[in-house]
């Protein structure tokens, strides 16, 4: 993925992400239209759209290969920070999912209890995914901040080029 990604101009939704090539997107804009901002943040929408971990997304932004307008960037950051705050405020309670629930002492009850703990903390489990979000979202936020500066720089460069063009002859 060497092509640039750019978010749509102010006032557009996150679903207006415009890839430079077809290979840059693994999710469709229609799918994003159906998600709330919180769902987009929780459902690794940024990873689904870009295929990038936080560090890769930040590197892309640092190199100028990722740009997002201020309004969209602010909305993305707000959603990510909201999810982080919610996860952090409930983290101690969520850790109880590591404990086996009180079940009967029958083999079936013990199997179900172990299965519940295992699925909460396995590689695809809720706790694993939330821990990954706690680690990745701050890097996404940094990348989006950089991408906002990239967008502003591109916008200024484009404005300079357009204003330097000679006026059209009206005759």
N, C-alpha and C. Protein backbone atom coordinates (compact mmCIF):
# COMPACT_ATOMS: atom_id res chain seq x y z
N UNK A 1 0.83 -1.16 0.00
CA UNK A 1 0.00 0.00 0.00
C UNK A 1 0.88 1.24 0.00
N UNK A 2 1.22 1.70 -1.13
CA UNK A 2 2.07 2.87 -1.21
C UNK A 2 1.30 4.10 -1.62
N UNK A 3 0.08 3.91 -2.08
CA UNK A 3 -0.73 5.05 -2.51
C UNK A 3 -1.27 5.80 -1.32
N UNK A 4 -1.60 7.08 -1.54
CA UNK A 4 -2.13 7.91 -0.47
C UNK A 4 -3.59 7.59 -0.20
N UNK A 5 -3.99 7.80 1.07
CA UNK A 5 -5.39 7.76 1.46
C UNK A 5 -5.75 9.17 1.87
N UNK A 6 -6.93 9.62 1.54
CA UNK A 6 -7.35 10.95 1.96
C UNK A 6 -8.81 10.89 2.35
N UNK A 7 -9.14 11.51 3.46
CA UNK A 7 -10.53 11.59 3.87
C UNK A 7 -11.20 12.68 3.04
N UNK A 8 -12.50 12.58 2.95
CA UNK A 8 -13.28 13.53 2.16
C UNK A 8 -13.29 14.88 2.85
N UNK A 9 -13.65 15.94 2.12
CA UNK A 9 -13.69 17.29 2.69
C UNK A 9 -14.63 17.38 3.88
N UNK A 10 -14.50 18.47 4.62
CA UNK A 10 -15.30 18.69 5.83
C UNK A 10 -16.77 18.41 5.58
N UNK A 11 -17.42 17.91 6.64
CA UNK A 11 -18.85 17.65 6.56
C UNK A 11 -19.17 16.27 6.03
N UNK A 12 -18.21 15.52 5.60
CA UNK A 12 -18.47 14.19 5.09
C UNK A 12 -18.34 13.17 6.22
N UNK A 13 -18.88 12.01 6.00
CA UNK A 13 -18.82 10.93 6.98
C UNK A 13 -17.54 10.13 6.79
N UNK A 14 -17.21 9.33 7.81
CA UNK A 14 -16.04 8.46 7.72
C UNK A 14 -16.19 7.49 6.55
N UNK A 15 -17.41 7.21 6.13
CA UNK A 15 -17.65 6.31 5.02
C UNK A 15 -17.17 6.89 3.70
N UNK A 16 -16.82 8.17 3.70
CA UNK A 16 -16.36 8.82 2.48
C UNK A 16 -14.85 8.67 2.27
N UNK A 17 -14.23 7.76 2.99
CA UNK A 17 -12.80 7.52 2.82
C UNK A 17 -12.55 7.16 1.37
N UNK A 18 -11.63 7.84 0.75
CA UNK A 18 -11.38 7.64 -0.66
C UNK A 18 -10.02 6.97 -0.82
N UNK A 19 -9.99 5.72 -1.25
CA UNK A 19 -8.71 5.05 -1.44
C UNK A 19 -8.10 5.44 -2.77
N UNK A 20 -6.78 5.39 -2.83
CA UNK A 20 -6.10 5.70 -4.07
C UNK A 20 -6.19 4.54 -5.04
N UNK A 21 -6.34 3.33 -4.54
CA UNK A 21 -6.52 2.18 -5.40
C UNK A 21 -7.50 1.22 -4.76
N UNK A 22 -8.03 0.31 -5.55
CA UNK A 22 -9.01 -0.65 -5.06
C UNK A 22 -8.44 -1.55 -3.99
N UNK A 23 -7.17 -1.84 -4.07
CA UNK A 23 -6.54 -2.75 -3.12
C UNK A 23 -6.43 -2.16 -1.72
N UNK A 24 -6.63 -0.86 -1.59
CA UNK A 24 -6.48 -0.20 -0.30
C UNK A 24 -7.66 -0.44 0.64
N UNK A 25 -8.76 -0.97 0.15
CA UNK A 25 -9.95 -1.09 0.98
C UNK A 25 -10.39 -2.54 1.04
N UNK A 26 -10.67 -3.00 2.28
CA UNK A 26 -11.20 -4.34 2.43
C UNK A 26 -12.64 -4.31 2.92
N UNK A 27 -13.16 -3.14 3.28
CA UNK A 27 -14.54 -2.97 3.70
C UNK A 27 -15.21 -1.96 2.78
N UNK A 28 -16.49 -2.04 2.65
CA UNK A 28 -17.19 -1.13 1.75
C UNK A 28 -17.72 0.07 2.51
N UNK A 29 -17.82 1.23 1.85
CA UNK A 29 -18.42 2.39 2.51
C UNK A 29 -19.83 2.12 3.00
N UNK A 30 -20.61 1.29 2.29
CA UNK A 30 -21.97 0.98 2.71
C UNK A 30 -21.95 0.32 4.08
N UNK A 31 -21.01 -0.56 4.32
CA UNK A 31 -20.89 -1.20 5.62
C UNK A 31 -20.67 -0.16 6.71
N UNK A 32 -19.83 0.81 6.46
CA UNK A 32 -19.57 1.85 7.46
C UNK A 32 -20.79 2.71 7.70
N UNK A 33 -21.61 2.95 6.68
CA UNK A 33 -22.82 3.74 6.85
C UNK A 33 -23.75 3.09 7.87
N UNK A 34 -23.70 1.76 7.97
CA UNK A 34 -24.59 1.04 8.87
C UNK A 34 -24.10 1.02 10.31
N UNK A 35 -22.87 1.44 10.56
CA UNK A 35 -22.30 1.40 11.90
C UNK A 35 -22.39 2.75 12.59
N UNK A 36 -22.61 2.73 13.88
CA UNK A 36 -22.54 3.97 14.66
C UNK A 36 -21.08 4.32 14.85
N UNK A 37 -20.75 5.58 15.23
CA UNK A 37 -19.35 5.94 15.48
C UNK A 37 -18.70 5.03 16.51
N UNK A 38 -19.44 4.67 17.56
CA UNK A 38 -18.87 3.79 18.58
C UNK A 38 -18.59 2.40 17.99
N UNK A 39 -19.50 1.91 17.17
CA UNK A 39 -19.30 0.61 16.55
C UNK A 39 -18.12 0.64 15.59
N UNK A 40 -17.99 1.76 14.86
CA UNK A 40 -16.86 1.88 13.95
C UNK A 40 -15.56 1.80 14.72
N UNK A 41 -15.50 2.47 15.85
CA UNK A 41 -14.27 2.47 16.64
C UNK A 41 -14.02 1.09 17.23
N UNK A 42 -15.05 0.45 17.74
CA UNK A 42 -14.87 -0.86 18.36
C UNK A 42 -14.63 -1.97 17.36
N UNK A 43 -15.10 -1.83 16.16
CA UNK A 43 -15.06 -2.92 15.20
C UNK A 43 -13.83 -2.94 14.33
N UNK A 44 -12.70 -2.39 14.79
CA UNK A 44 -11.48 -2.13 14.05
C UNK A 44 -11.73 -1.59 12.64
N UNK A 45 -12.64 -0.61 12.50
CA UNK A 45 -12.93 -0.05 11.18
C UNK A 45 -11.68 0.52 10.53
N UNK A 46 -10.84 1.17 11.31
CA UNK A 46 -9.63 1.73 10.72
C UNK A 46 -8.74 0.63 10.18
N UNK A 47 -8.61 -0.45 10.93
CA UNK A 47 -7.79 -1.56 10.44
C UNK A 47 -8.47 -2.22 9.25
N UNK A 48 -9.79 -2.37 9.33
CA UNK A 48 -10.51 -3.00 8.22
C UNK A 48 -10.37 -2.19 6.95
N UNK A 49 -10.39 -0.86 7.07
CA UNK A 49 -10.29 -0.02 5.89
C UNK A 49 -8.87 0.06 5.36
N UNK A 50 -7.91 0.14 6.25
CA UNK A 50 -6.55 0.36 5.80
C UNK A 50 -5.69 -0.88 5.85
N UNK A 51 -6.10 -1.89 6.64
CA UNK A 51 -5.29 -3.08 6.81
C UNK A 51 -4.04 -2.79 7.63
N UNK A 52 -4.06 -1.73 8.43
CA UNK A 52 -2.87 -1.29 9.14
C UNK A 52 -3.04 -1.37 10.65
N UNK A 53 -1.96 -1.74 11.31
CA UNK A 53 -1.89 -1.60 12.76
C UNK A 53 -1.60 -0.13 13.04
N UNK A 54 -1.73 0.26 14.29
CA UNK A 54 -1.51 1.65 14.66
C UNK A 54 -0.15 2.18 14.25
N UNK A 55 0.91 1.39 14.46
CA UNK A 55 2.25 1.87 14.12
C UNK A 55 2.41 2.03 12.61
N UNK A 56 1.81 1.13 11.84
CA UNK A 56 1.88 1.26 10.38
C UNK A 56 1.10 2.47 9.90
N UNK A 57 -0.05 2.70 10.52
CA UNK A 57 -0.86 3.86 10.15
C UNK A 57 -0.11 5.15 10.49
N UNK A 58 0.57 5.17 11.63
CA UNK A 58 1.34 6.34 12.02
C UNK A 58 2.51 6.56 11.06
N UNK A 59 3.19 5.50 10.66
CA UNK A 59 4.29 5.62 9.69
C UNK A 59 3.78 6.17 8.37
N UNK A 60 2.62 5.70 7.96
CA UNK A 60 2.02 6.19 6.72
C UNK A 60 1.72 7.68 6.83
N UNK A 61 1.19 8.09 7.98
CA UNK A 61 0.89 9.51 8.18
C UNK A 61 2.19 10.33 8.24
N UNK A 62 3.21 9.80 8.90
CA UNK A 62 4.49 10.51 8.99
C UNK A 62 5.12 10.72 7.62
N UNK A 63 4.92 9.77 6.73
CA UNK A 63 5.50 9.88 5.39
C UNK A 63 4.63 10.71 4.45
N UNK A 64 3.47 11.15 4.94
CA UNK A 64 2.58 11.96 4.11
C UNK A 64 1.63 11.13 3.27
N UNK A 65 1.58 9.83 3.49
CA UNK A 65 0.73 8.95 2.70
C UNK A 65 -0.68 8.81 3.23
N UNK A 66 -1.03 9.56 4.26
CA UNK A 66 -2.36 9.48 4.85
C UNK A 66 -2.75 10.90 5.27
N UNK A 67 -3.89 11.36 4.79
CA UNK A 67 -4.36 12.70 5.11
C UNK A 67 -5.85 12.65 5.41
N UNK A 68 -6.28 13.47 6.34
CA UNK A 68 -7.69 13.52 6.71
C UNK A 68 -8.03 14.97 7.07
N UNK A 69 -9.21 15.42 6.64
CA UNK A 69 -9.59 16.80 6.97
C UNK A 69 -9.85 16.93 8.47
N UNK A 70 -9.82 18.16 8.96
CA UNK A 70 -9.90 18.41 10.40
C UNK A 70 -11.21 17.92 11.01
N UNK A 71 -12.32 18.19 10.35
CA UNK A 71 -13.62 17.81 10.90
C UNK A 71 -13.73 16.29 11.03
N UNK A 72 -13.38 15.57 9.99
CA UNK A 72 -13.45 14.11 10.03
C UNK A 72 -12.44 13.56 11.03
N UNK A 73 -11.24 14.12 11.03
CA UNK A 73 -10.22 13.68 11.97
C UNK A 73 -10.66 13.88 13.41
N UNK A 74 -11.26 15.03 13.68
CA UNK A 74 -11.74 15.31 15.04
C UNK A 74 -12.83 14.32 15.45
N UNK A 75 -13.71 13.98 14.51
CA UNK A 75 -14.78 13.01 14.81
C UNK A 75 -14.21 11.63 15.06
N UNK A 76 -13.22 11.23 14.28
CA UNK A 76 -12.59 9.93 14.50
C UNK A 76 -11.89 9.89 15.86
N UNK A 77 -11.16 10.94 16.17
CA UNK A 77 -10.45 11.01 17.44
C UNK A 77 -11.45 10.99 18.60
N UNK A 78 -12.52 11.75 18.47
CA UNK A 78 -13.54 11.78 19.52
C UNK A 78 -14.12 10.39 19.76
N UNK A 79 -14.40 9.66 18.70
CA UNK A 79 -14.94 8.30 18.84
C UNK A 79 -13.92 7.37 19.50
N UNK A 80 -12.67 7.44 19.06
CA UNK A 80 -11.63 6.59 19.64
C UNK A 80 -11.42 6.92 21.12
N UNK A 81 -11.37 8.20 21.46
CA UNK A 81 -11.19 8.59 22.85
C UNK A 81 -12.39 8.17 23.70
N UNK A 82 -13.58 8.25 23.14
CA UNK A 82 -14.78 7.81 23.86
C UNK A 82 -14.73 6.33 24.19
N UNK A 83 -14.31 5.54 23.22
CA UNK A 83 -14.20 4.10 23.46
C UNK A 83 -13.12 3.83 24.50
N UNK A 84 -11.98 4.50 24.38
CA UNK A 84 -10.90 4.31 25.36
C UNK A 84 -11.36 4.67 26.77
N UNK A 85 -12.05 5.78 26.91
CA UNK A 85 -12.54 6.19 28.23
C UNK A 85 -13.50 5.15 28.81
N UNK A 86 -14.38 4.64 27.97
CA UNK A 86 -15.34 3.63 28.42
C UNK A 86 -14.63 2.35 28.85
N UNK A 87 -13.70 1.89 28.03
CA UNK A 87 -12.96 0.67 28.36
C UNK A 87 -12.16 0.87 29.65
N UNK A 88 -11.47 2.00 29.76
CA UNK A 88 -10.68 2.26 30.96
C UNK A 88 -11.55 2.31 32.21
N UNK A 89 -12.70 2.96 32.12
CA UNK A 89 -13.56 3.10 33.30
C UNK A 89 -14.16 1.76 33.72
N UNK A 90 -14.21 0.81 32.82
CA UNK A 90 -14.82 -0.50 33.13
C UNK A 90 -13.80 -1.63 33.17
N UNK A 91 -12.52 -1.30 33.05
CA UNK A 91 -11.50 -2.33 32.93
C UNK A 91 -11.48 -3.28 34.12
N UNK A 92 -11.55 -2.76 35.33
CA UNK A 92 -11.52 -3.63 36.51
C UNK A 92 -12.69 -4.61 36.49
N UNK A 93 -13.85 -4.14 36.12
CA UNK A 93 -15.03 -5.01 36.04
C UNK A 93 -14.86 -6.04 34.93
N UNK A 94 -14.32 -5.63 33.81
CA UNK A 94 -14.11 -6.55 32.69
C UNK A 94 -13.14 -7.67 33.05
N UNK A 95 -12.20 -7.39 33.94
CA UNK A 95 -11.23 -8.40 34.33
C UNK A 95 -11.88 -9.60 35.02
N UNK A 96 -13.07 -9.40 35.53
CA UNK A 96 -13.79 -10.51 36.16
C UNK A 96 -14.11 -11.61 35.16
N UNK A 97 -14.06 -11.28 33.86
CA UNK A 97 -14.30 -12.31 32.85
C UNK A 97 -13.20 -13.36 32.83
N UNK A 98 -12.07 -13.08 33.49
CA UNK A 98 -11.01 -14.07 33.63
C UNK A 98 -11.37 -15.13 34.66
N UNK A 99 -12.33 -14.81 35.54
CA UNK A 99 -12.74 -15.74 36.59
C UNK A 99 -13.85 -16.65 36.08
N UNK A 100 -13.74 -17.90 36.43
CA UNK A 100 -14.78 -18.86 36.04
C UNK A 100 -16.09 -18.50 36.74
N UNK A 101 -17.19 -18.46 36.00
CA UNK A 101 -18.48 -18.16 36.63
C UNK A 101 -18.91 -19.32 37.52
N UNK A 102 -19.72 -18.98 38.50
CA UNK A 102 -20.23 -20.02 39.40
C UNK A 102 -21.20 -20.90 38.61
N UNK A 103 -20.82 -22.13 38.46
CA UNK A 103 -21.65 -23.10 37.74
C UNK A 103 -21.76 -24.34 38.63
N UNK A 104 -22.55 -25.27 38.21
CA UNK A 104 -22.65 -26.51 38.98
C UNK A 104 -21.31 -27.26 38.92
N UNK A 105 -21.15 -28.19 39.81
CA UNK A 105 -19.91 -28.97 39.85
C UNK A 105 -19.97 -30.18 38.92
N UNK A 106 -20.99 -30.26 38.11
CA UNK A 106 -21.07 -31.36 37.16
C UNK A 106 -20.03 -31.16 36.07
N UNK A 107 -19.65 -32.21 35.39
CA UNK A 107 -18.69 -32.04 34.30
C UNK A 107 -19.17 -31.03 33.26
N UNK A 108 -20.46 -31.01 32.97
CA UNK A 108 -20.99 -30.05 32.00
C UNK A 108 -20.85 -28.62 32.52
N UNK A 109 -21.20 -28.40 33.77
CA UNK A 109 -21.08 -27.07 34.36
C UNK A 109 -19.64 -26.60 34.38
N UNK A 110 -18.73 -27.48 34.71
CA UNK A 110 -17.32 -27.12 34.74
C UNK A 110 -16.79 -26.85 33.33
N UNK A 111 -17.26 -27.64 32.37
CA UNK A 111 -16.84 -27.42 30.98
C UNK A 111 -17.33 -26.05 30.48
N UNK A 112 -18.60 -25.74 30.77
CA UNK A 112 -19.17 -24.46 30.34
C UNK A 112 -18.42 -23.30 30.98
N UNK A 113 -18.12 -23.40 32.28
CA UNK A 113 -17.40 -22.33 32.97
C UNK A 113 -16.02 -22.13 32.35
N UNK A 114 -15.32 -23.22 32.10
CA UNK A 114 -13.98 -23.12 31.48
C UNK A 114 -14.08 -22.55 30.07
N UNK A 115 -15.09 -22.96 29.35
CA UNK A 115 -15.29 -22.47 27.98
C UNK A 115 -15.56 -20.96 27.98
N UNK A 116 -16.34 -20.50 28.92
CA UNK A 116 -16.66 -19.06 29.00
C UNK A 116 -15.39 -18.25 29.28
N UNK A 117 -14.57 -18.71 30.21
CA UNK A 117 -13.31 -18.02 30.51
C UNK A 117 -12.39 -18.08 29.29
N UNK A 118 -12.30 -19.25 28.68
CA UNK A 118 -11.42 -19.41 27.51
C UNK A 118 -11.80 -18.51 26.36
N UNK A 119 -13.08 -18.42 26.08
CA UNK A 119 -13.49 -17.59 24.94
C UNK A 119 -13.40 -16.10 25.24
N UNK A 120 -13.46 -15.72 26.50
CA UNK A 120 -13.30 -14.29 26.85
C UNK A 120 -11.86 -13.84 26.66
N UNK A 121 -10.93 -14.77 26.85
CA UNK A 121 -9.52 -14.38 26.85
C UNK A 121 -8.69 -15.03 25.75
N UNK A 122 -9.32 -15.77 24.84
CA UNK A 122 -8.52 -16.36 23.77
C UNK A 122 -8.14 -15.29 22.75
N UNK A 123 -7.48 -15.67 21.68
CA UNK A 123 -6.97 -14.68 20.73
C UNK A 123 -8.05 -13.83 20.07
N UNK A 124 -9.28 -14.32 20.02
CA UNK A 124 -10.38 -13.56 19.43
C UNK A 124 -11.37 -13.07 20.49
N UNK A 125 -11.06 -13.31 21.75
CA UNK A 125 -11.97 -13.00 22.84
C UNK A 125 -12.13 -11.52 23.11
N UNK A 126 -13.18 -11.21 23.83
CA UNK A 126 -13.50 -9.83 24.16
C UNK A 126 -12.35 -9.14 24.89
N UNK A 127 -11.82 -9.79 25.92
CA UNK A 127 -10.73 -9.16 26.69
C UNK A 127 -9.50 -8.93 25.83
N UNK A 128 -9.18 -9.88 24.98
CA UNK A 128 -8.02 -9.74 24.10
C UNK A 128 -8.21 -8.58 23.14
N UNK A 129 -9.40 -8.46 22.58
CA UNK A 129 -9.68 -7.39 21.62
C UNK A 129 -9.71 -6.03 22.32
N UNK A 130 -10.26 -5.98 23.52
CA UNK A 130 -10.27 -4.71 24.24
C UNK A 130 -8.87 -4.29 24.67
N UNK A 131 -8.05 -5.25 25.06
CA UNK A 131 -6.67 -4.92 25.41
C UNK A 131 -5.93 -4.41 24.17
N UNK A 132 -6.16 -5.02 23.04
CA UNK A 132 -5.54 -4.55 21.80
C UNK A 132 -5.99 -3.13 21.48
N UNK A 133 -7.27 -2.85 21.70
CA UNK A 133 -7.78 -1.50 21.46
C UNK A 133 -7.11 -0.49 22.40
N UNK A 134 -6.95 -0.88 23.65
CA UNK A 134 -6.29 0.01 24.62
C UNK A 134 -4.87 0.34 24.17
N UNK A 135 -4.21 -0.60 23.54
CA UNK A 135 -2.84 -0.39 23.10
C UNK A 135 -2.76 0.34 21.76
N UNK A 136 -3.66 0.05 20.83
CA UNK A 136 -3.59 0.60 19.48
C UNK A 136 -4.24 1.96 19.31
N UNK A 137 -5.34 2.22 20.01
CA UNK A 137 -6.09 3.45 19.77
C UNK A 137 -5.26 4.71 19.99
N UNK A 138 -4.41 4.79 21.03
CA UNK A 138 -3.60 6.01 21.16
C UNK A 138 -2.70 6.25 19.93
N UNK A 139 -2.21 5.18 19.33
CA UNK A 139 -1.38 5.33 18.13
C UNK A 139 -2.23 5.76 16.95
N UNK A 140 -3.46 5.24 16.86
CA UNK A 140 -4.38 5.70 15.81
C UNK A 140 -4.62 7.20 15.97
N UNK A 141 -4.83 7.63 17.20
CA UNK A 141 -5.10 9.05 17.46
C UNK A 141 -3.90 9.89 17.01
N UNK A 142 -2.69 9.45 17.35
CA UNK A 142 -1.49 10.17 16.90
C UNK A 142 -1.44 10.22 15.37
N UNK A 143 -1.73 9.09 14.72
CA UNK A 143 -1.70 9.05 13.27
C UNK A 143 -2.73 9.99 12.66
N UNK A 144 -3.91 10.04 13.25
CA UNK A 144 -4.95 10.93 12.73
C UNK A 144 -4.55 12.38 12.90
N UNK A 145 -3.93 12.72 14.02
CA UNK A 145 -3.43 14.10 14.23
C UNK A 145 -2.42 14.46 13.14
N UNK A 146 -1.50 13.56 12.85
CA UNK A 146 -0.52 13.79 11.78
C UNK A 146 -1.23 13.91 10.43
N UNK A 147 -2.22 13.05 10.20
CA UNK A 147 -2.95 13.06 8.94
C UNK A 147 -3.72 14.36 8.75
N UNK A 148 -4.21 14.94 9.85
CA UNK A 148 -4.89 16.24 9.76
C UNK A 148 -3.91 17.31 9.30
N UNK A 149 -2.69 17.26 9.82
CA UNK A 149 -1.67 18.23 9.39
C UNK A 149 -1.31 18.00 7.92
N UNK A 150 -1.25 16.74 7.51
CA UNK A 150 -0.97 16.42 6.11
C UNK A 150 -2.05 17.01 5.20
N UNK A 151 -3.29 16.86 5.59
CA UNK A 151 -4.41 17.36 4.80
C UNK A 151 -4.32 18.89 4.67
N UNK A 152 -4.05 19.53 5.80
CA UNK A 152 -3.95 21.00 5.79
C UNK A 152 -2.80 21.44 4.89
N UNK A 153 -1.69 20.74 4.96
CA UNK A 153 -0.54 21.07 4.11
C UNK A 153 -0.88 20.88 2.63
N UNK A 154 -1.53 19.77 2.32
CA UNK A 154 -1.93 19.52 0.93
C UNK A 154 -2.91 20.59 0.45
N UNK A 155 -3.84 20.94 1.32
CA UNK A 155 -4.83 21.95 0.98
C UNK A 155 -4.15 23.29 0.69
N UNK A 156 -3.18 23.66 1.52
CA UNK A 156 -2.45 24.91 1.32
C UNK A 156 -1.62 24.86 0.03
N UNK A 157 -0.98 23.72 -0.23
CA UNK A 157 -0.20 23.57 -1.46
C UNK A 157 -1.09 23.70 -2.69
N UNK A 158 -2.24 23.06 -2.65
CA UNK A 158 -3.17 23.13 -3.78
C UNK A 158 -3.67 24.55 -3.97
N UNK A 159 -3.99 25.23 -2.88
CA UNK A 159 -4.46 26.61 -2.96
C UNK A 159 -3.38 27.50 -3.59
N UNK A 160 -2.11 27.29 -3.19
CA UNK A 160 -1.01 28.09 -3.74
C UNK A 160 -0.87 27.86 -5.23
N UNK A 161 -0.99 26.61 -5.67
CA UNK A 161 -0.88 26.31 -7.10
C UNK A 161 -2.03 26.97 -7.86
N UNK A 162 -3.23 26.83 -7.33
CA UNK A 162 -4.39 27.39 -8.03
C UNK A 162 -4.36 28.91 -8.10
N UNK A 163 -3.91 29.56 -7.05
CA UNK A 163 -3.87 31.02 -7.07
C UNK A 163 -2.72 31.55 -7.92
N UNK A 164 -1.73 30.72 -8.19
CA UNK A 164 -0.61 31.16 -9.03
C UNK A 164 -0.89 31.01 -10.53
N UNK A 165 -1.98 30.34 -10.86
CA UNK A 165 -2.34 30.17 -12.27
C UNK A 165 -2.79 31.51 -12.86
N UNK A 166 -2.42 31.77 -14.10
CA UNK A 166 -2.86 33.04 -14.69
C UNK A 166 -4.38 33.05 -14.86
N UNK A 167 -4.94 34.23 -14.77
CA UNK A 167 -6.39 34.39 -14.92
C UNK A 167 -6.81 33.99 -16.32
N UNK A 168 -7.96 33.39 -16.42
CA UNK A 168 -8.49 32.98 -17.72
C UNK A 168 -8.88 34.20 -18.53
N UNK A 169 -8.60 34.17 -19.81
CA UNK A 169 -8.97 35.28 -20.70
C UNK A 169 -10.48 35.22 -20.93
N UNK A 170 -11.17 36.28 -20.62
CA UNK A 170 -12.62 36.32 -20.71
C UNK A 170 -13.12 36.78 -22.08
N UNK A 171 -12.25 36.93 -23.06
CA UNK A 171 -12.70 37.44 -24.36
C UNK A 171 -13.35 36.41 -25.21
